[in-house]
Amino acid sequence: MNPHTIFELRRYRLLPESREALIHLFGREFVEPQEALGMRVEAEFRDLDDPDSFVWVRSFRDMEARTEALASFYSGPVWKEHGPAANATMLNSDNVLLLKPAAGIDPFPHNLPRDAEAGRSRAKGLIVVNICSLAPGTEEDFSRFFRDHALPLIQEAGARIDGLFVTERSRNGFPRLPVREGETVFVWLECHADQDSRTAYQDRLRQNRVWTDEIYPTMDGQCWRKIEVARLTPTSRSLCAW
């Protein structure tokens, strides 16, 4: 069971043709130093539909641990030496959702332990991040509805679920790194072997009349904008992969 209770979904908008440089720098210099301070780099992704986007997830034991770990890392020697090179690849790094696990579902249960990462031949899979924008105060009811009605159909159709999350409303204890405050979201991460597997999964869902006539319309009707979907592939160091 994942002992961490706080998660950041971080999506960086990069300068053109800078993504591979950032991924290389990130994997070489930033993973182990963050994890040595108690953070966990759960996932790192390329966005298939945006060549100038880098997406990653890190987690913390709790909000107090988050504040302490971020203060230590961003005032420490690793960031002082390599932070300017990372920032030089970015147009914006403030698209950050602060999240907590939802509906009693353990996040990232299929992630490799870090010490097994090097023995993997390569990171594979297609990870789809779905973000539902909700009215404040509705996230718990939405989460329960998803867990009880949507989740069984999604899993039956062939998706692996690696996390359900809702907005963490605690004050951002490290304002040097902004997060998207004043928003209410529900996020689910689904994993597939590849795009063909996802297409087959979508076909099976569309053939399920309960999904098309009841479940999805109910979910969509509670979102104040269209559900945001991002198709991602894991980097070589991502613990979240197929």
C-alpha atoms as a PDB file:
ATOM      1  CA  MET A   1       0.000   0.000   0.000  1.00  0.00           C
ATOM      2  CA  ASN A   2       1.304   3.445  -0.911  1.00  0.00           C
ATOM      3  CA  PRO A   3       2.091   5.293   2.371  1.00  0.00           C
ATOM      4  CA  HIS A   4       1.963   8.709   0.689  1.00  0.00           C
ATOM      5  CA  THR A   5      -1.207  10.792   0.892  1.00  0.00           C
ATOM      6  CA  ILE A   6      -0.330  13.908  -1.142  1.00  0.00           C
ATOM      7  CA  PHE A   7       0.309  13.919  -4.900  1.00  0.00           C
ATOM      8  CA  GLU A   8       1.286  16.577  -7.406  1.00  0.00           C
ATOM      9  CA  LEU A   9       0.293  16.203 -11.054  1.00  0.00           C
ATOM     10  CA  ARG A  10       2.779  18.536 -12.752  1.00  0.00           C
ATOM     11  CA  ARG A  11       2.493  19.492 -16.430  1.00  0.00           C
ATOM     12  CA  TYR A  12       5.228  21.661 -17.881  1.00  0.00           C
ATOM     13  CA  ARG A  13       4.952  23.657 -21.082  1.00  0.00           C
ATOM     14  CA  LEU A  14       8.392  23.608 -22.699  1.00  0.00           C
ATOM     15  CA  LEU A  15      10.264  25.516 -25.330  1.00  0.00           C
ATOM     16  CA  PRO A  16      10.216  23.811 -28.736  1.00  0.00           C
ATOM     17  CA  GLU A  17      12.539  20.810 -29.014  1.00  0.00           C
ATOM     18  CA  SER A  18      13.512  21.000 -25.324  1.00  0.00           C
ATOM     19  CA  ARG A  19      11.676  17.992 -23.947  1.00  0.00           C
ATOM     20  CA  GLU A  20      14.365  15.367 -24.451  1.00  0.00           C
ATOM     21  CA  ALA A  21      16.981  17.585 -22.848  1.00  0.00           C
ATOM     22  CA  LEU A  22      14.768  18.053 -19.784  1.00  0.00           C
ATOM     23  CA  ILE A  23      13.943  14.345 -19.540  1.00  0.00           C
ATOM     24  CA  HIS A  24      17.628  13.473 -19.686  1.00  0.00           C
ATOM     25  CA  LEU A  25      18.549  16.088 -17.066  1.00  0.00           C
ATOM     26  CA  PHE A  26      15.633  15.130 -14.844  1.00  0.00           C
ATOM     27  CA  GLY A  27      16.462  11.434 -14.874  1.00  0.00           C
ATOM     28  CA  ARG A  28      20.175  11.984 -14.319  1.00  0.00           C
ATOM     29  CA  GLU A  29      20.096  14.656 -11.616  1.00  0.00           C
ATOM     30  CA  PHE A  30      16.703  15.032  -9.921  1.00  0.00           C
ATOM     31  CA  VAL A  31      15.157  11.640  -9.157  1.00  0.00           C
ATOM     32  CA  GLU A  32      17.423  10.245  -6.434  1.00  0.00           C
ATOM     33  CA  PRO A  33      17.997  13.583  -4.629  1.00  0.00           C
ATOM     34  CA  GLN A  34      14.242  14.133  -4.292  1.00  0.00           C
ATOM     35  CA  GLU A  35      13.619  10.593  -3.103  1.00  0.00           C
ATOM     36  CA  ALA A  36      16.446  10.891  -0.576  1.00  0.00           C
ATOM     37  CA  LEU A  37      14.388  13.672   1.041  1.00  0.00           C
ATOM     38  CA  GLY A  38      11.265  11.515   1.351  1.00  0.00           C
ATOM     39  CA  MET A  39       9.522  12.457  -1.892  1.00  0.00           C
ATOM     40  CA  ARG A  40       8.731   9.793  -4.475  1.00  0.00           C
ATOM     41  CA  VAL A  41       8.829  10.392  -8.214  1.00  0.00           C
ATOM     42  CA  GLU A  42       5.915   8.148  -9.135  1.00  0.00           C
ATOM     43  CA  ALA A  43       5.760   8.807 -12.857  1.00  0.00           C
ATOM     44  CA  GLU A  44       7.339  10.692 -15.757  1.00  0.00           C
ATOM     45  CA  PHE A  45       5.688  11.025 -19.143  1.00  0.00           C
ATOM     46  CA  ARG A  46       5.861  12.369 -22.658  1.00  0.00           C
ATOM     47  CA  ASP A  47       2.550  13.786 -23.900  1.00  0.00           C
ATOM     48  CA  LEU A  48       1.748  12.077 -27.208  1.00  0.00           C
ATOM     49  CA  ASP A  49      -0.361  14.987 -28.412  1.00  0.00           C
ATOM     50  CA  ASP A  50       1.977  17.804 -27.383  1.00  0.00           C
ATOM     51  CA  PRO A  51       5.693  17.485 -28.189  1.00  0.00           C
ATOM     52  CA  ASP A  52       6.426  20.444 -25.914  1.00  0.00           C
ATOM     53  CA  SER A  53       4.892  18.993 -22.766  1.00  0.00           C
ATOM     54  CA  PHE A  54       6.516  17.035 -19.921  1.00  0.00           C
ATOM     55  CA  VAL A  55       4.204  15.497 -17.302  1.00  0.00           C
ATOM     56  CA  TRP A  56       5.202  13.980 -13.991  1.00  0.00           C
ATOM     57  CA  VAL A  57       3.797  12.972 -10.628  1.00  0.00           C
ATOM     58  CA  ARG A  58       5.500  13.116  -7.263  1.00  0.00           C
ATOM     59  CA  SER A  59       4.143  12.193  -3.865  1.00  0.00           C
ATOM     60  CA  PHE A  60       4.657  13.017  -0.195  1.00  0.00           C
ATOM     61  CA  ARG A  61       3.764  11.408   3.114  1.00  0.00           C
ATOM     62  CA  ASP A  62       1.594  14.400   4.097  1.00  0.00           C
ATOM     63  CA  MET A  63       1.410  18.177   3.681  1.00  0.00           C
ATOM     64  CA  GLU A  64       3.940  18.899   6.419  1.00  0.00           C
ATOM     65  CA  ALA A  65       6.421  16.488   4.854  1.00  0.00           C
ATOM     66  CA  ARG A  66       5.797  18.141   1.488  1.00  0.00           C
ATOM     67  CA  THR A  67       6.689  21.590   2.804  1.00  0.00           C
ATOM     68  CA  GLU A  68       9.860  20.346   4.471  1.00  0.00           C
ATOM     69  CA  ALA A  69      11.026  18.263   1.508  1.00  0.00           C
ATOM     70  CA  LEU A  70      10.432  20.997  -1.063  1.00  0.00           C
ATOM     71  CA  ALA A  71      12.196  23.593   1.069  1.00  0.00           C
ATOM     72  CA  SER A  72      15.192  21.277   1.435  1.00  0.00           C
ATOM     73  CA  PHE A  73      15.400  20.344  -2.228  1.00  0.00           C
ATOM     74  CA  TYR A  74      14.909  23.776  -3.774  1.00  0.00           C
ATOM     75  CA  SER A  75      17.367  25.424  -1.396  1.00  0.00           C
ATOM     76  CA  GLY A  76      19.896  22.615  -1.760  1.00  0.00           C
ATOM     77  CA  PRO A  77      22.993  22.087  -3.896  1.00  0.00           C
ATOM     78  CA  VAL A  78      21.406  19.884  -6.586  1.00  0.00           C
ATOM     79  CA  TRP A  79      18.797  22.453  -7.564  1.00  0.00           C
ATOM     80  CA  LYS A  80      21.314  25.280  -7.252  1.00  0.00           C
ATOM     81  CA  GLU A  81      23.591  23.532  -9.743  1.00  0.00           C
ATOM     82  CA  HIS A  82      21.072  22.080 -12.198  1.00  0.00           C
ATOM     83  CA  GLY A  83      17.885  24.105 -11.669  1.00  0.00           C
ATOM     84  CA  PRO A  84      18.862  26.894 -14.094  1.00  0.00           C
ATOM     85  CA  ALA A  85      19.333  24.359 -16.909  1.00  0.00           C
ATOM     86  CA  ALA A  86      15.932  22.815 -16.165  1.00  0.00           C
ATOM     87  CA  ASN A  87      14.209  26.214 -16.045  1.00  0.00           C
ATOM     88  CA  ALA A  88      15.840  27.143 -19.349  1.00  0.00           C
ATOM     89  CA  THR A  89      13.751  24.440 -21.088  1.00  0.00           C
ATOM     90  CA  MET A  90      10.420  25.742 -19.781  1.00  0.00           C
ATOM     91  CA  LEU A  91       7.853  28.302 -20.796  1.00  0.00           C
ATOM     92  CA  ASN A  92       5.694  27.537 -17.758  1.00  0.00           C
ATOM     93  CA  SER A  93       5.818  25.138 -14.816  1.00  0.00           C
ATOM     94  CA  ASP A  94       2.784  26.315 -12.821  1.00  0.00           C
ATOM     95  CA  ASN A  95       0.188  23.895 -14.228  1.00  0.00           C
ATOM     96  CA  VAL A  96       0.129  21.806 -11.056  1.00  0.00           C
ATOM     97  CA  LEU A  97      -2.767  20.008  -9.391  1.00  0.00           C
ATOM     98  CA  LEU A  98      -2.375  19.192  -5.697  1.00  0.00           C
ATOM     99  CA  LEU A  99      -4.269  15.950  -5.118  1.00  0.00           C
ATOM    100  CA  LYS A 100      -5.130  13.244  -2.593  1.00  0.00           C
ATOM    101  CA  PRO A 101      -6.343   9.670  -3.166  1.00  0.00           C
ATOM    102  CA  ALA A 102     -10.083   9.277  -3.645  1.00  0.00           C
ATOM    103  CA  ALA A 103     -12.722   6.648  -2.914  1.00  0.00           C
ATOM    104  CA  GLY A 104     -10.392   4.454  -0.875  1.00  0.00           C
ATOM    105  CA  ILE A 105      -8.423   3.363  -3.961  1.00  0.00           C
ATOM    106  CA  ASP A 106      -4.687   2.861  -3.368  1.00  0.00           C
ATOM    107  CA  PRO A 107      -2.723   4.977  -5.890  1.00  0.00           C
ATOM    108  CA  PHE A 108      -0.044   3.501  -8.129  1.00  0.00           C
ATOM    109  CA  PRO A 109      -0.345  -0.083  -6.856  1.00  0.00           C
ATOM    110  CA  HIS A 110       1.484  -1.439  -9.916  1.00  0.00           C
ATOM    111  CA  ASN A 111       4.516   0.844  -9.697  1.00  0.00           C
ATOM    112  CA  LEU A 112       7.933  -0.779  -9.590  1.00  0.00           C
ATOM    113  CA  PRO A 113      10.086  -0.211  -6.523  1.00  0.00           C
ATOM    114  CA  ARG A 114      12.916   2.151  -7.432  1.00  0.00           C
ATOM    115  CA  ASP A 115      15.584  -0.513  -6.975  1.00  0.00           C
ATOM    116  CA  ALA A 116      13.897  -2.658  -9.657  1.00  0.00           C
ATOM    117  CA  GLU A 117      13.777   0.104 -12.249  1.00  0.00           C
ATOM    118  CA  ALA A 118      17.265  -0.518 -13.662  1.00  0.00           C
ATOM    119  CA  GLY A 119      16.462  -4.169 -14.344  1.00  0.00           C
ATOM    120  CA  ARG A 120      13.549  -3.334 -16.637  1.00  0.00           C
ATOM    121  CA  SER A 121      14.274  -3.552 -20.352  1.00  0.00           C
ATOM    122  CA  ARG A 122      12.204  -0.451 -21.099  1.00  0.00           C
ATOM    123  CA  ALA A 123       9.151   1.390 -19.863  1.00  0.00           C
ATOM    124  CA  LYS A 124       6.096   0.583 -21.959  1.00  0.00           C
ATOM    125  CA  GLY A 125       2.428   1.412 -22.074  1.00  0.00           C
ATOM    126  CA  LEU A 126      -0.086   4.163 -22.705  1.00  0.00           C
ATOM    127  CA  ILE A 127      -1.264   6.098 -19.671  1.00  0.00           C
ATOM    128  CA  VAL A 128      -4.379   8.232 -20.007  1.00  0.00           C
ATOM    129  CA  VAL A 129      -5.012  11.032 -17.523  1.00  0.00           C
ATOM    130  CA  ASN A 130      -8.652  12.119 -17.273  1.00  0.00           C
ATOM    131  CA  ILE A 131      -9.453  15.367 -15.421  1.00  0.00           C
ATOM    132  CA  CYS A 132     -13.017  16.215 -14.423  1.00  0.00           C
ATOM    133  CA  SER A 133     -13.656  19.824 -13.366  1.00  0.00           C
ATOM    134  CA  LEU A 134     -16.372  19.892 -10.716  1.00  0.00           C
ATOM    135  CA  ALA A 135     -18.355  22.320  -8.627  1.00  0.00           C
ATOM    136  CA  PRO A 136     -16.838  22.815  -5.148  1.00  0.00           C
ATOM    137  CA  GLY A 137     -18.118  20.337  -2.593  1.00  0.00           C
ATOM    138  CA  THR A 138     -19.240  17.724  -5.115  1.00  0.00           C
ATOM    139  CA  GLU A 139     -15.996  15.775  -5.388  1.00  0.00           C
ATOM    140  CA  GLU A 140     -16.713  13.176  -2.713  1.00  0.00           C
ATOM    141  CA  ASP A 141     -20.101  12.240  -4.178  1.00  0.00           C
ATOM    142  CA  PHE A 142     -18.562  12.156  -7.655  1.00  0.00           C
ATOM    143  CA  SER A 143     -15.758   9.901  -6.399  1.00  0.00           C
ATOM    144  CA  ARG A 144     -18.180   7.438  -4.841  1.00  0.00           C
ATOM    145  CA  PHE A 145     -20.306   7.361  -7.985  1.00  0.00           C
ATOM    146  CA  PHE A 146     -17.205   6.709 -10.091  1.00  0.00           C
ATOM    147  CA  ARG A 147     -15.960   3.957  -7.784  1.00  0.00           C
ATOM    148  CA  ASP A 148     -19.314   2.201  -7.516  1.00  0.00           C
ATOM    149  CA  HIS A 149     -20.624   2.559 -11.078  1.00  0.00           C
ATOM    150  CA  ALA A 150     -17.960   3.692 -13.579  1.00  0.00           C
ATOM    151  CA  LEU A 151     -14.914   1.846 -12.268  1.00  0.00           C
ATOM    152  CA  PRO A 152     -16.319  -1.702 -12.623  1.00  0.00           C
ATOM    153  CA  LEU A 153     -17.278  -1.064 -16.258  1.00  0.00           C
ATOM    154  CA  ILE A 154     -13.922   0.544 -17.077  1.00  0.00           C
ATOM    155  CA  GLN A 155     -12.032  -2.393 -15.611  1.00  0.00           C
ATOM    156  CA  GLU A 156     -14.327  -4.928 -17.270  1.00  0.00           C
ATOM    157  CA  ALA A 157     -13.605  -3.249 -20.610  1.00  0.00           C
ATOM    158  CA  GLY A 158      -9.875  -3.802 -20.114  1.00  0.00           C
ATOM    159  CA  ALA A 159      -8.308  -0.693 -18.547  1.00  0.00           C
ATOM    160  CA  ARG A 160      -5.968  -0.858 -15.579  1.00  0.00           C
ATOM    161  CA  ILE A 161      -6.632   1.906 -13.072  1.00  0.00           C
ATOM    162  CA  ASP A 162      -3.556   3.369 -11.383  1.00  0.00           C
ATOM    163  CA  GLY A 163      -5.236   6.008  -9.284  1.00  0.00           C
ATOM    164  CA  LEU A 164      -8.320   8.030  -8.421  1.00  0.00           C
ATOM    165  CA  PHE A 165      -7.677  11.485  -6.980  1.00  0.00           C
ATOM    166  CA  VAL A 166      -9.480  14.617  -5.855  1.00  0.00           C
ATOM    167  CA  THR A 167      -8.259  18.102  -5.028  1.00  0.00           C
ATOM    168  CA  GLU A 168      -6.268  18.492  -1.811  1.00  0.00           C
ATOM    169  CA  ARG A 169      -7.545  21.727  -0.277  1.00  0.00           C
ATOM    170  CA  SER A 170      -4.816  22.326   2.302  1.00  0.00           C
ATOM    171  CA  ARG A 171      -2.862  25.553   2.039  1.00  0.00           C
ATOM    172  CA  ASN A 172       0.181  25.310  -0.201  1.00  0.00           C
ATOM    173  CA  GLY A 173       2.983  25.345   2.358  1.00  0.00           C
ATOM    174  CA  PHE A 174       5.638  26.104  -0.263  1.00  0.00           C
ATOM    175  CA  PRO A 175       4.280  29.057  -2.289  1.00  0.00           C
ATOM    176  CA  ARG A 176       7.526  29.335  -4.226  1.00  0.00           C
ATOM    177  CA  LEU A 177       6.012  26.504  -6.295  1.00  0.00           C
ATOM    178  CA  PRO A 178       2.440  27.582  -7.166  1.00  0.00           C
ATOM    179  CA  VAL A 179      -0.417  25.126  -7.582  1.00  0.00           C
ATOM    180  CA  ARG A 180      -3.827  25.571  -9.208  1.00  0.00           C
ATOM    181  CA  GLU A 181      -5.830  26.792  -6.235  1.00  0.00           C
ATOM    182  CA  GLY A 182      -9.550  27.481  -6.210  1.00  0.00           C
ATOM    183  CA  GLU A 183     -10.342  24.499  -8.452  1.00  0.00           C
ATOM    184  CA  THR A 184     -12.123  21.242  -7.720  1.00  0.00           C
ATOM    185  CA  VAL A 185     -11.147  18.230  -9.785  1.00  0.00           C
ATOM    186  CA  PHE A 186     -11.493  14.471  -9.917  1.00  0.00           C
ATOM    187  CA  VAL A 187      -8.677  12.700 -11.756  1.00  0.00           C
ATOM    188  CA  TRP A 188      -8.388   9.111 -12.863  1.00  0.00           C
ATOM    189  CA  LEU A 189      -5.357   7.429 -14.436  1.00  0.00           C
ATOM    190  CA  GLU A 190      -5.994   4.479 -16.709  1.00  0.00           C
ATOM    191  CA  CYS A 191      -3.280   2.323 -18.259  1.00  0.00           C
ATOM    192  CA  HIS A 192      -3.182   0.267 -21.450  1.00  0.00           C
ATOM    193  CA  ALA A 193      -0.556  -1.815 -23.165  1.00  0.00           C
ATOM    194  CA  ASP A 194      -0.626   0.433 -26.260  1.00  0.00           C
ATOM    195  CA  GLN A 195      -2.943   2.519 -28.440  1.00  0.00           C
ATOM    196  CA  ASP A 196      -4.474  -0.578 -30.074  1.00  0.00           C
ATOM    197  CA  SER A 197      -5.403  -1.897 -26.632  1.00  0.00           C
ATOM    198  CA  ARG A 198      -6.940   1.441 -25.723  1.00  0.00           C
ATOM    199  CA  THR A 199      -8.939   1.534 -28.963  1.00  0.00           C
ATOM    200  CA  ALA A 200     -10.305  -1.948 -28.253  1.00  0.00           C
ATOM    201  CA  TYR A 201     -11.161  -0.845 -24.703  1.00  0.00           C
ATOM    202  CA  GLN A 202     -13.009   2.221 -25.991  1.00  0.00           C
ATOM    203  CA  ASP A 203     -14.962   0.057 -28.448  1.00  0.00           C
ATOM    204  CA  ARG A 204     -16.023  -2.284 -25.648  1.00  0.00           C
ATOM    205  CA  LEU A 205     -17.146   0.638 -23.491  1.00  0.00           C
ATOM    206  CA  ARG A 206     -19.144   2.157 -26.338  1.00  0.00           C
ATOM    207  CA  GLN A 207     -20.937  -1.163 -26.814  1.00  0.00           C
ATOM    208  CA  ASN A 208     -22.050  -1.114 -23.168  1.00  0.00           C
ATOM    209  CA  ARG A 209     -25.415   0.650 -23.069  1.00  0.00           C
ATOM    210  CA  VAL A 210     -25.206   1.214 -19.322  1.00  0.00           C
ATOM    211  CA  TRP A 211     -22.006   3.188 -19.884  1.00  0.00           C
ATOM    212  CA  THR A 212     -23.213   5.174 -22.897  1.00  0.00           C
ATOM    213  CA  ASP A 213     -26.775   5.840 -21.702  1.00  0.00           C
ATOM    214  CA  GLU A 214     -26.345   6.184 -17.941  1.00  0.00           C
ATOM    215  CA  ILE A 215     -22.861   6.257 -16.437  1.00  0.00           C
ATOM    216  CA  TYR A 216     -20.937   8.571 -18.764  1.00  0.00           C
ATOM    217  CA  PRO A 217     -23.809  11.078 -19.232  1.00  0.00           C
ATOM    218  CA  THR A 218     -24.179  11.303 -15.446  1.00  0.00           C
ATOM    219  CA  MET A 219     -20.453  11.984 -15.024  1.00  0.00           C
ATOM    220  CA  ASP A 220     -20.314  14.431 -17.927  1.00  0.00           C
ATOM    221  CA  GLY A 221     -23.330  16.309 -16.624  1.00  0.00           C
ATOM    222  CA  GLN A 222     -21.543  17.061 -13.359  1.00  0.00           C
ATOM    223  CA  CYS A 223     -18.473  18.557 -15.094  1.00  0.00           C
ATOM    224  CA  TRP A 224     -18.502  22.242 -15.909  1.00  0.00           C
ATOM    225  CA  ARG A 225     -16.370  21.663 -18.983  1.00  0.00           C
ATOM    226  CA  LYS A 226     -15.519  18.709 -21.188  1.00  0.00           C
ATOM    227  CA  ILE A 227     -13.483  16.016 -19.417  1.00  0.00           C
ATOM    228  CA  GLU A 228      -9.830  16.765 -20.185  1.00  0.00           C
ATOM    229  CA  VAL A 229      -7.890  13.799 -21.560  1.00  0.00           C
ATOM    230  CA  ALA A 230      -4.105  13.473 -22.008  1.00  0.00           C
ATOM    231  CA  ARG A 231      -2.422  10.481 -23.678  1.00  0.00           C
ATOM    232  CA  LEU A 232       1.007   9.843 -22.184  1.00  0.00           C
ATOM    233  CA  THR A 233       3.891   7.420 -22.581  1.00  0.00           C
ATOM    234  CA  PRO A 234       6.348   6.699 -19.758  1.00  0.00           C
ATOM    235  CA  THR A 235       9.964   7.799 -19.847  1.00  0.00           C
ATOM    236  CA  SER A 236      12.692   5.272 -19.129  1.00  0.00           C
ATOM    237  CA  ARG A 237      12.715   6.174 -15.413  1.00  0.00           C
ATOM    238  CA  SER A 238       8.973   6.240 -14.831  1.00  0.00           C
ATOM    239  CA  LEU A 239       7.809   3.816 -12.152  1.00  0.00           C
ATOM    240  CA  CYS A 240       4.314   3.975 -13.613  1.00  0.00           C
ATOM    241  CA  ALA A 241       4.280   1.906 -16.803  1.00  0.00           C
ATOM    242  CA  TRP A 242       2.468  -1.068 -18.240  1.00  0.00           C
END
